[in-house]
């Protein structure tokens, strides 16, 4: 479906997988016959093109109820928020709001939200930092305000993806220079 897949996300029950790539500029949705087993994935559908909003999508995230999807990329440097009229169905996305992260980093690669939607974290490759934002309205990126940043460049100078333990006590970064987590 895409020759340059860049971001991946799973539905919380493991029955669906979503991949965003920067060749097709769409989100590809897959069903997993056995939850969490990617060998059982079958392509279901692609979202409408997000190229008009982000020409080089890198990261993807969903609200836990599947009613919102977020795309970040290095083309527009925006976090794009989409509403899904049918939860978890990427064919039903409608662009809702944006947040421009360029003031912090010109190459946002990945994003992650606190489970209650009150915090957003963006991993940037230009400065190799993790940026923390408060959201005054949960899950609404237009209400994001920058709080602080953490330099992760000493671990990898090509930061590409971020993930947090659900209770927030651990953060994981993967990078393309040292090829390490």
N, C-alpha and C. Protein backbone atom coordinates (compact mmCIF):
# COMPACT_ATOMS: atom_id res chain seq x y z
N UNK A 1 0.81 -1.20 0.00
CA UNK A 1 0.00 0.00 0.00
C UNK A 1 0.85 1.27 0.00
N UNK A 2 2.05 1.24 0.59
CA UNK A 2 2.91 2.41 0.61
C UNK A 2 4.37 1.96 0.64
N UNK A 3 5.19 2.53 -0.21
CA UNK A 3 6.60 2.12 -0.27
C UNK A 3 7.47 2.82 0.76
N UNK A 4 6.88 3.76 1.52
CA UNK A 4 7.64 4.45 2.57
C UNK A 4 6.78 4.56 3.83
N UNK A 5 6.43 3.42 4.44
CA UNK A 5 5.64 3.49 5.67
C UNK A 5 6.42 4.20 6.76
N UNK A 6 5.74 5.06 7.52
CA UNK A 6 6.45 5.89 8.50
C UNK A 6 5.90 5.77 9.91
N UNK A 7 4.61 5.54 10.07
CA UNK A 7 4.01 5.48 11.40
C UNK A 7 3.00 4.35 11.49
N UNK A 8 2.86 3.81 12.70
CA UNK A 8 1.95 2.68 12.92
C UNK A 8 1.16 2.90 14.20
N UNK A 9 -0.08 2.41 14.21
CA UNK A 9 -0.92 2.49 15.41
C UNK A 9 -1.85 1.29 15.41
N UNK A 10 -2.14 0.78 16.61
CA UNK A 10 -3.06 -0.34 16.77
C UNK A 10 -4.29 0.09 17.56
N UNK A 11 -5.45 -0.40 17.16
CA UNK A 11 -6.66 -0.24 17.96
C UNK A 11 -6.39 -0.92 19.30
N UNK A 12 -6.89 -0.36 20.42
CA UNK A 12 -6.56 -0.91 21.74
C UNK A 12 -6.83 -2.41 21.91
N UNK A 13 -7.81 -2.96 21.19
CA UNK A 13 -8.06 -4.40 21.33
C UNK A 13 -7.24 -5.25 20.36
N UNK A 14 -6.39 -4.60 19.56
CA UNK A 14 -5.50 -5.32 18.66
C UNK A 14 -6.13 -5.88 17.41
N UNK A 15 -7.37 -5.54 17.12
CA UNK A 15 -8.05 -6.10 15.94
C UNK A 15 -7.86 -5.26 14.68
N UNK A 16 -7.29 -4.07 14.82
CA UNK A 16 -7.03 -3.22 13.66
C UNK A 16 -5.63 -2.62 13.77
N UNK A 17 -5.02 -2.42 12.61
CA UNK A 17 -3.70 -1.80 12.52
C UNK A 17 -3.80 -0.69 11.46
N UNK A 18 -3.14 0.42 11.75
CA UNK A 18 -3.15 1.57 10.85
C UNK A 18 -1.71 1.96 10.53
N UNK A 19 -1.43 2.18 9.25
CA UNK A 19 -0.09 2.58 8.84
C UNK A 19 -0.20 3.82 7.96
N UNK A 20 0.59 4.83 8.30
CA UNK A 20 0.66 6.03 7.46
C UNK A 20 2.01 6.03 6.77
N UNK A 21 1.98 6.41 5.50
CA UNK A 21 3.22 6.46 4.74
C UNK A 21 3.36 7.77 3.99
N UNK A 22 4.58 8.10 3.63
CA UNK A 22 4.76 9.37 2.94
C UNK A 22 4.99 9.22 1.45
N UNK A 23 4.61 8.07 0.89
CA UNK A 23 4.54 7.94 -0.56
C UNK A 23 3.10 8.13 -1.02
N UNK A 24 2.20 7.40 -0.38
CA UNK A 24 0.78 7.50 -0.75
C UNK A 24 0.04 8.62 -0.06
N UNK A 25 0.58 9.11 1.07
CA UNK A 25 -0.05 10.18 1.84
C UNK A 25 -1.47 9.84 2.27
N UNK A 26 -1.66 8.58 2.64
CA UNK A 26 -2.94 8.11 3.16
C UNK A 26 -2.68 7.26 4.40
N UNK A 27 -3.75 7.01 5.15
CA UNK A 27 -3.68 6.06 6.26
C UNK A 27 -4.31 4.77 5.77
N UNK A 28 -3.54 3.69 5.85
CA UNK A 28 -4.04 2.38 5.43
C UNK A 28 -4.54 1.62 6.65
N UNK A 29 -5.75 1.08 6.53
CA UNK A 29 -6.41 0.37 7.63
C UNK A 29 -6.41 -1.12 7.33
N UNK A 30 -6.01 -1.91 8.32
CA UNK A 30 -5.94 -3.36 8.17
C UNK A 30 -6.75 -4.02 9.29
N UNK A 31 -7.41 -5.12 8.97
CA UNK A 31 -8.03 -5.98 9.98
C UNK A 31 -7.04 -7.07 10.35
N UNK A 32 -6.99 -7.42 11.63
CA UNK A 32 -6.15 -8.52 12.09
C UNK A 32 -7.06 -9.66 12.54
N UNK A 33 -6.99 -10.79 11.85
CA UNK A 33 -7.85 -11.93 12.16
C UNK A 33 -7.60 -12.44 13.58
N UNK A 34 -6.33 -12.43 13.98
CA UNK A 34 -5.96 -12.73 15.37
C UNK A 34 -5.40 -11.44 15.95
N UNK A 35 -6.03 -10.91 17.01
CA UNK A 35 -5.56 -9.64 17.58
C UNK A 35 -4.06 -9.65 17.86
N UNK A 36 -3.42 -8.55 17.49
CA UNK A 36 -2.00 -8.28 17.72
C UNK A 36 -1.06 -9.14 16.86
N UNK A 37 -1.58 -9.96 15.97
CA UNK A 37 -0.75 -10.83 15.14
C UNK A 37 -0.71 -10.23 13.73
N UNK A 38 0.39 -9.53 13.41
CA UNK A 38 0.46 -8.84 12.12
C UNK A 38 0.50 -9.80 10.94
N UNK A 39 0.84 -11.07 11.18
CA UNK A 39 0.84 -12.03 10.08
C UNK A 39 -0.58 -12.33 9.60
N UNK A 40 -1.59 -11.93 10.38
CA UNK A 40 -2.99 -12.16 9.99
C UNK A 40 -3.65 -10.89 9.45
N UNK A 41 -2.85 -9.86 9.16
CA UNK A 41 -3.40 -8.59 8.68
C UNK A 41 -3.90 -8.70 7.25
N UNK A 42 -5.06 -8.09 7.01
CA UNK A 42 -5.58 -7.98 5.65
C UNK A 42 -5.99 -6.52 5.43
N UNK A 43 -5.59 -5.99 4.28
CA UNK A 43 -5.89 -4.61 3.95
C UNK A 43 -7.40 -4.43 3.81
N UNK A 44 -7.93 -3.39 4.46
CA UNK A 44 -9.35 -3.09 4.37
C UNK A 44 -9.62 -1.89 3.47
N UNK A 45 -8.97 -0.76 3.79
CA UNK A 45 -9.24 0.46 3.04
C UNK A 45 -8.19 1.52 3.36
N UNK A 46 -8.20 2.56 2.55
CA UNK A 46 -7.32 3.70 2.77
C UNK A 46 -8.16 4.93 3.05
N UNK A 47 -7.59 5.84 3.82
CA UNK A 47 -8.26 7.10 4.09
C UNK A 47 -8.21 7.98 2.84
N UNK A 48 -9.00 9.04 2.81
CA UNK A 48 -8.76 10.06 1.78
C UNK A 48 -7.34 10.60 1.96
N UNK A 49 -6.79 11.15 0.91
CA UNK A 49 -5.43 11.68 0.95
C UNK A 49 -5.32 12.79 2.00
N UNK A 50 -4.21 12.76 2.74
CA UNK A 50 -3.91 13.83 3.69
C UNK A 50 -2.85 14.77 3.12
N UNK A 51 -2.48 14.58 1.86
CA UNK A 51 -1.40 15.36 1.25
C UNK A 51 -1.67 16.85 1.26
N UNK A 52 -2.93 17.25 1.17
CA UNK A 52 -3.25 18.67 1.21
C UNK A 52 -2.99 19.30 2.56
N UNK A 53 -2.92 18.45 3.60
CA UNK A 53 -2.65 18.93 4.96
C UNK A 53 -1.22 18.65 5.36
N UNK A 54 -0.70 17.50 4.92
CA UNK A 54 0.65 17.09 5.27
C UNK A 54 1.22 16.24 4.14
N UNK A 55 2.19 16.79 3.42
CA UNK A 55 2.77 16.10 2.26
C UNK A 55 3.76 15.01 2.65
N UNK A 56 4.26 15.05 3.88
CA UNK A 56 5.22 14.04 4.34
C UNK A 56 4.80 13.54 5.72
N UNK A 57 3.69 12.79 5.79
CA UNK A 57 3.23 12.31 7.10
C UNK A 57 4.22 11.31 7.70
N UNK A 58 4.45 11.45 9.00
CA UNK A 58 5.42 10.60 9.68
C UNK A 58 4.81 9.82 10.84
N UNK A 59 3.94 10.46 11.60
CA UNK A 59 3.41 9.83 12.81
C UNK A 59 1.89 9.84 12.83
N UNK A 60 1.33 8.86 13.54
CA UNK A 60 -0.12 8.72 13.64
C UNK A 60 -0.50 8.33 15.06
N UNK A 61 -1.64 8.83 15.49
CA UNK A 61 -2.16 8.50 16.82
C UNK A 61 -3.68 8.58 16.77
N UNK A 62 -4.36 7.75 17.55
CA UNK A 62 -5.82 7.79 17.67
C UNK A 62 -6.23 8.03 19.11
N UNK A 63 -7.31 8.75 19.29
CA UNK A 63 -7.97 8.84 20.59
C UNK A 63 -8.46 7.43 20.93
N UNK A 64 -8.42 7.02 22.21
CA UNK A 64 -8.76 5.64 22.56
C UNK A 64 -10.15 5.16 22.10
N UNK A 65 -11.10 6.08 21.90
CA UNK A 65 -12.42 5.66 21.43
C UNK A 65 -12.53 5.63 19.91
N UNK A 66 -11.43 5.96 19.21
CA UNK A 66 -11.43 5.90 17.76
C UNK A 66 -12.15 7.03 17.06
N UNK A 67 -12.57 8.04 17.80
CA UNK A 67 -13.34 9.14 17.21
C UNK A 67 -12.47 10.29 16.70
N UNK A 68 -11.17 10.26 17.03
CA UNK A 68 -10.24 11.27 16.53
C UNK A 68 -8.94 10.59 16.11
N UNK A 69 -8.34 11.14 15.05
CA UNK A 69 -7.07 10.66 14.55
C UNK A 69 -6.15 11.87 14.39
N UNK A 70 -4.87 11.66 14.63
CA UNK A 70 -3.88 12.75 14.56
C UNK A 70 -2.74 12.32 13.65
N UNK A 71 -2.33 13.23 12.77
CA UNK A 71 -1.20 12.99 11.86
C UNK A 71 -0.20 14.13 12.05
N UNK A 72 1.08 13.78 12.14
CA UNK A 72 2.14 14.78 12.22
C UNK A 72 3.14 14.47 11.12
N UNK A 73 3.77 15.53 10.60
CA UNK A 73 4.75 15.29 9.56
C UNK A 73 5.70 16.45 9.38
N UNK A 74 6.69 16.22 8.54
CA UNK A 74 7.78 17.19 8.37
C UNK A 74 7.56 18.14 7.19
N UNK A 75 6.41 18.02 6.52
CA UNK A 75 6.12 18.93 5.42
C UNK A 75 5.55 20.24 5.89
N UNK A 76 4.44 20.15 6.63
CA UNK A 76 3.78 21.37 7.14
C UNK A 76 4.16 21.68 8.58
N UNK A 77 4.77 20.72 9.26
CA UNK A 77 5.13 20.85 10.69
C UNK A 77 3.90 21.00 11.57
N UNK A 78 2.76 20.52 11.10
CA UNK A 78 1.52 20.60 11.87
C UNK A 78 1.16 19.28 12.51
N UNK A 79 0.46 19.37 13.63
CA UNK A 79 -0.31 18.24 14.14
C UNK A 79 -1.71 18.45 13.60
N UNK A 80 -2.16 17.53 12.76
CA UNK A 80 -3.47 17.60 12.13
C UNK A 80 -4.44 16.71 12.88
N UNK A 81 -5.53 17.29 13.32
CA UNK A 81 -6.56 16.55 14.06
C UNK A 81 -7.73 16.28 13.12
N UNK A 82 -8.15 15.02 13.06
CA UNK A 82 -9.26 14.59 12.23
C UNK A 82 -10.35 13.99 13.10
N UNK A 83 -11.59 14.26 12.76
CA UNK A 83 -12.73 13.62 13.38
C UNK A 83 -13.15 12.46 12.49
N UNK A 84 -13.50 11.33 13.11
CA UNK A 84 -14.00 10.18 12.35
C UNK A 84 -15.49 10.05 12.65
N UNK A 85 -16.32 10.21 11.63
CA UNK A 85 -17.76 10.13 11.85
C UNK A 85 -18.18 8.71 12.24
N UNK A 86 -17.39 7.73 11.83
CA UNK A 86 -17.57 6.34 12.26
C UNK A 86 -16.26 5.92 12.93
N UNK A 87 -16.27 5.69 14.25
CA UNK A 87 -15.01 5.39 14.96
C UNK A 87 -14.21 4.27 14.30
N UNK A 88 -12.91 4.48 14.23
CA UNK A 88 -11.92 3.53 13.72
C UNK A 88 -12.03 3.30 12.21
N UNK A 89 -12.89 4.04 11.52
CA UNK A 89 -13.06 3.88 10.08
C UNK A 89 -12.38 5.06 9.38
N UNK A 90 -11.18 4.83 8.82
CA UNK A 90 -10.40 5.93 8.27
C UNK A 90 -11.03 6.54 7.02
N UNK A 91 -11.96 5.86 6.41
CA UNK A 91 -12.63 6.42 5.23
C UNK A 91 -13.51 7.60 5.62
N UNK A 92 -13.79 7.75 6.93
CA UNK A 92 -14.73 8.78 7.39
C UNK A 92 -14.05 9.98 8.05
N UNK A 93 -12.74 10.18 7.78
CA UNK A 93 -12.03 11.29 8.43
C UNK A 93 -12.44 12.63 7.84
N UNK A 94 -12.51 13.61 8.73
CA UNK A 94 -12.75 15.00 8.35
C UNK A 94 -11.74 15.83 9.14
N UNK A 95 -10.96 16.64 8.45
CA UNK A 95 -9.97 17.46 9.15
C UNK A 95 -10.70 18.47 10.01
N UNK A 96 -10.26 18.56 11.22
CA UNK A 96 -10.98 19.36 12.20
C UNK A 96 -10.16 20.58 12.65
N UNK A 97 -8.96 20.31 13.16
CA UNK A 97 -8.14 21.38 13.71
C UNK A 97 -6.66 21.10 13.46
N UNK A 98 -5.84 22.14 13.64
CA UNK A 98 -4.40 21.97 13.49
C UNK A 98 -3.66 22.68 14.62
N UNK A 99 -2.46 22.21 14.86
CA UNK A 99 -1.53 22.88 15.75
C UNK A 99 -0.18 22.89 15.05
N UNK A 100 0.42 24.05 14.89
CA UNK A 100 1.72 24.15 14.23
C UNK A 100 2.83 24.03 15.27
N UNK A 101 3.69 23.03 15.07
CA UNK A 101 4.78 22.75 16.02
C UNK A 101 6.11 23.36 15.58
N UNK A 102 6.12 24.11 14.49
CA UNK A 102 7.38 24.62 13.93
C UNK A 102 8.13 25.54 14.88
N UNK A 103 7.43 26.21 15.79
CA UNK A 103 8.12 27.09 16.74
C UNK A 103 9.07 26.29 17.63
N UNK A 104 8.76 24.98 17.82
CA UNK A 104 9.63 24.14 18.62
C UNK A 104 10.57 23.30 17.75
N UNK A 105 10.07 22.72 16.65
CA UNK A 105 10.91 21.85 15.83
C UNK A 105 10.40 21.84 14.39
N UNK A 106 11.32 21.95 13.45
CA UNK A 106 10.96 22.00 12.03
C UNK A 106 10.71 20.62 11.43
N UNK A 107 11.02 19.56 12.16
CA UNK A 107 10.81 18.20 11.64
C UNK A 107 10.12 17.31 12.66
N UNK A 108 8.84 17.56 12.97
CA UNK A 108 8.14 16.68 13.90
C UNK A 108 7.92 15.30 13.28
N UNK A 109 8.39 14.29 13.97
CA UNK A 109 8.38 12.92 13.44
C UNK A 109 7.29 12.03 14.02
N UNK A 110 6.93 12.27 15.28
CA UNK A 110 6.03 11.35 15.96
C UNK A 110 5.29 12.09 17.05
N UNK A 111 4.14 11.53 17.47
CA UNK A 111 3.40 12.16 18.55
C UNK A 111 2.75 11.11 19.43
N UNK A 112 2.44 11.52 20.65
CA UNK A 112 1.81 10.63 21.63
C UNK A 112 0.98 11.49 22.56
N UNK A 113 -0.15 10.96 23.01
CA UNK A 113 -1.02 11.68 23.93
C UNK A 113 -1.12 10.93 25.26
N UNK A 114 -1.20 11.69 26.33
CA UNK A 114 -1.52 11.12 27.64
C UNK A 114 -2.91 10.48 27.51
N UNK A 115 -3.17 9.35 28.19
CA UNK A 115 -4.45 8.66 28.01
C UNK A 115 -5.71 9.50 28.22
N UNK A 116 -5.63 10.56 29.02
CA UNK A 116 -6.82 11.40 29.21
C UNK A 116 -6.87 12.58 28.24
N UNK A 117 -5.89 12.67 27.34
CA UNK A 117 -5.89 13.71 26.32
C UNK A 117 -5.49 15.09 26.78
N UNK A 118 -4.99 15.23 28.00
CA UNK A 118 -4.64 16.56 28.52
C UNK A 118 -3.19 16.95 28.21
N UNK A 119 -2.40 16.01 27.71
CA UNK A 119 -1.02 16.31 27.32
C UNK A 119 -0.72 15.68 25.97
N UNK A 120 0.09 16.38 25.21
CA UNK A 120 0.54 15.89 23.91
C UNK A 120 2.06 15.99 23.90
N UNK A 121 2.70 14.97 23.33
CA UNK A 121 4.14 14.94 23.21
C UNK A 121 4.51 14.81 21.74
N UNK A 122 5.40 15.66 21.28
CA UNK A 122 5.85 15.62 19.89
C UNK A 122 7.36 15.38 19.90
N UNK A 123 7.79 14.41 19.13
CA UNK A 123 9.21 14.12 18.97
C UNK A 123 9.70 14.79 17.71
N UNK A 124 10.71 15.64 17.84
CA UNK A 124 11.24 16.36 16.69
C UNK A 124 12.63 15.90 16.32
N UNK A 125 12.87 15.78 15.03
CA UNK A 125 14.16 15.32 14.54
C UNK A 125 15.14 16.47 14.28
N UNK A 126 14.63 17.67 14.08
CA UNK A 126 15.54 18.80 13.81
C UNK A 126 16.41 19.10 15.02
N UNK A 127 15.82 19.07 16.22
CA UNK A 127 16.56 19.36 17.45
C UNK A 127 16.75 18.14 18.34
N UNK A 128 16.17 17.01 17.92
CA UNK A 128 16.24 15.78 18.71
C UNK A 128 15.71 15.99 20.13
N UNK A 129 14.54 16.62 20.21
CA UNK A 129 13.91 16.89 21.49
C UNK A 129 12.51 16.28 21.53
N UNK A 130 12.05 16.01 22.75
CA UNK A 130 10.65 15.68 23.00
C UNK A 130 10.01 16.93 23.58
N UNK A 131 8.91 17.35 22.98
CA UNK A 131 8.22 18.58 23.39
C UNK A 131 6.91 18.19 24.07
N UNK A 132 6.69 18.77 25.24
CA UNK A 132 5.49 18.49 26.02
C UNK A 132 4.55 19.69 25.95
N UNK A 133 3.29 19.42 25.66
CA UNK A 133 2.27 20.46 25.56
C UNK A 133 1.11 20.12 26.48
N UNK A 134 0.53 21.16 27.09
CA UNK A 134 -0.73 21.00 27.82
C UNK A 134 -1.87 21.31 26.87
N UNK A 135 -2.95 20.56 26.97
CA UNK A 135 -4.15 20.83 26.18
C UNK A 135 -5.25 21.27 27.16
N UNK A 136 -5.68 22.51 27.06
CA UNK A 136 -6.69 23.01 27.99
C UNK A 136 -8.03 22.32 27.77
N UNK A 137 -8.29 21.89 26.54
CA UNK A 137 -9.45 21.04 26.25
C UNK A 137 -8.89 19.71 25.78
N UNK A 138 -9.13 18.62 26.53
CA UNK A 138 -8.55 17.33 26.16
C UNK A 138 -8.84 16.95 24.71
N UNK A 139 -7.81 16.45 24.05
CA UNK A 139 -7.87 15.93 22.68
C UNK A 139 -8.05 17.02 21.63
N UNK A 140 -8.03 18.28 22.00
CA UNK A 140 -8.21 19.38 21.06
C UNK A 140 -6.86 20.07 20.85
N UNK A 141 -6.19 19.78 19.72
CA UNK A 141 -4.84 20.29 19.51
C UNK A 141 -4.79 21.80 19.36
N UNK A 142 -5.91 22.41 19.02
CA UNK A 142 -5.90 23.87 18.88
C UNK A 142 -5.77 24.56 20.23
N UNK A 143 -5.91 23.80 21.34
CA UNK A 143 -5.77 24.38 22.69
C UNK A 143 -4.41 24.04 23.30
N UNK A 144 -3.47 23.52 22.49
CA UNK A 144 -2.16 23.13 23.00
C UNK A 144 -1.31 24.34 23.32
N UNK A 145 -0.60 24.26 24.44
CA UNK A 145 0.38 25.28 24.80
C UNK A 145 1.67 24.58 25.22
N UNK A 146 2.78 25.08 24.70
CA UNK A 146 4.09 24.48 24.98
C UNK A 146 4.44 24.60 26.45
N UNK A 147 4.91 23.50 27.04
CA UNK A 147 5.28 23.50 28.45
C UNK A 147 6.79 23.38 28.63
N UNK A 148 7.39 22.33 28.08
CA UNK A 148 8.82 22.10 28.27
C UNK A 148 9.33 21.10 27.24
N UNK A 149 10.65 20.91 27.21
CA UNK A 149 11.25 19.97 26.27
C UNK A 149 12.37 19.20 26.94
N UNK A 150 12.68 18.05 26.34
CA UNK A 150 13.76 17.19 26.83
C UNK A 150 14.62 16.79 25.64
N UNK A 151 15.91 17.08 25.72
CA UNK A 151 16.85 16.73 24.66
C UNK A 151 17.15 15.23 24.73
N UNK A 152 16.94 14.53 23.61
CA UNK A 152 17.26 13.10 23.54
C UNK A 152 18.35 12.85 22.49
N UNK A 153 18.99 13.92 22.01
CA UNK A 153 20.01 13.82 20.98
C UNK A 153 21.24 13.04 21.39
N UNK A 154 21.52 12.98 22.69
CA UNK A 154 22.69 12.20 23.11
C UNK A 154 22.44 10.69 22.99
N UNK A 155 21.16 10.31 22.88
CA UNK A 155 20.83 8.90 22.68
C UNK A 155 20.77 8.56 21.18
N UNK A 156 20.22 9.46 20.37
CA UNK A 156 20.16 9.23 18.93
C UNK A 156 19.93 10.57 18.23
N UNK A 157 20.68 10.83 17.18
CA UNK A 157 20.56 12.11 16.47
C UNK A 157 19.57 12.05 15.31
N UNK A 158 18.88 10.93 15.16
CA UNK A 158 17.81 10.81 14.16
C UNK A 158 16.59 10.21 14.86
N UNK A 159 16.01 10.98 15.76
CA UNK A 159 14.84 10.51 16.53
C UNK A 159 13.66 10.31 15.60
N UNK A 160 12.98 9.16 15.72
CA UNK A 160 11.92 8.86 14.76
C UNK A 160 10.57 8.49 15.36
N UNK A 161 10.54 7.91 16.56
CA UNK A 161 9.25 7.50 17.11
C UNK A 161 9.30 7.53 18.63
N UNK A 162 8.13 7.79 19.22
CA UNK A 162 8.01 7.93 20.67
C UNK A 162 6.83 7.11 21.17
N UNK A 163 6.99 6.57 22.39
CA UNK A 163 5.91 5.81 23.04
C UNK A 163 6.07 5.95 24.55
N UNK A 164 4.96 5.97 25.26
CA UNK A 164 4.97 6.05 26.72
C UNK A 164 4.28 4.84 27.34
N UNK A 165 4.79 4.40 28.48
CA UNK A 165 4.08 3.43 29.30
C UNK A 165 2.78 4.11 29.73
N UNK A 166 1.65 3.37 29.80
CA UNK A 166 0.36 4.01 30.10
C UNK A 166 0.33 4.87 31.36
N UNK A 167 1.11 4.52 32.40
CA UNK A 167 1.09 5.33 33.61
C UNK A 167 2.06 6.52 33.54
N UNK A 168 2.76 6.66 32.41
CA UNK A 168 3.64 7.80 32.21
C UNK A 168 4.99 7.73 32.88
N UNK A 169 5.34 6.61 33.49
CA UNK A 169 6.61 6.51 34.21
C UNK A 169 7.78 6.13 33.33
N UNK A 170 7.53 5.74 32.08
CA UNK A 170 8.61 5.40 31.16
C UNK A 170 8.30 5.98 29.78
N UNK A 171 9.36 6.44 29.10
CA UNK A 171 9.26 6.95 27.74
C UNK A 171 10.25 6.17 26.88
N UNK A 172 9.83 5.84 25.66
CA UNK A 172 10.66 5.07 24.75
C UNK A 172 10.85 5.87 23.46
N UNK A 173 12.09 5.90 22.97
CA UNK A 173 12.44 6.59 21.73
C UNK A 173 13.19 5.61 20.85
N UNK A 174 12.86 5.60 19.58
CA UNK A 174 13.64 4.81 18.61
C UNK A 174 14.22 5.79 17.60
N UNK A 175 15.45 5.49 17.16
CA UNK A 175 16.11 6.42 16.24
C UNK A 175 16.81 5.69 15.13
N UNK A 176 17.13 6.45 14.08
CA UNK A 176 17.70 5.87 12.88
C UNK A 176 19.21 5.97 12.77
N UNK A 177 19.88 6.62 13.70
CA UNK A 177 21.33 6.70 13.64
C UNK A 177 21.98 5.53 14.34
N UNK A 178 21.60 5.31 15.60
CA UNK A 178 22.18 4.21 16.37
C UNK A 178 21.37 2.93 16.26
N UNK A 179 20.17 3.02 15.66
CA UNK A 179 19.29 1.83 15.49
C UNK A 179 19.00 1.16 16.83
N UNK A 180 18.67 1.98 17.82
CA UNK A 180 18.40 1.46 19.15
C UNK A 180 17.09 2.04 19.71
N UNK A 181 16.51 1.32 20.64
CA UNK A 181 15.40 1.84 21.45
C UNK A 181 16.01 2.37 22.73
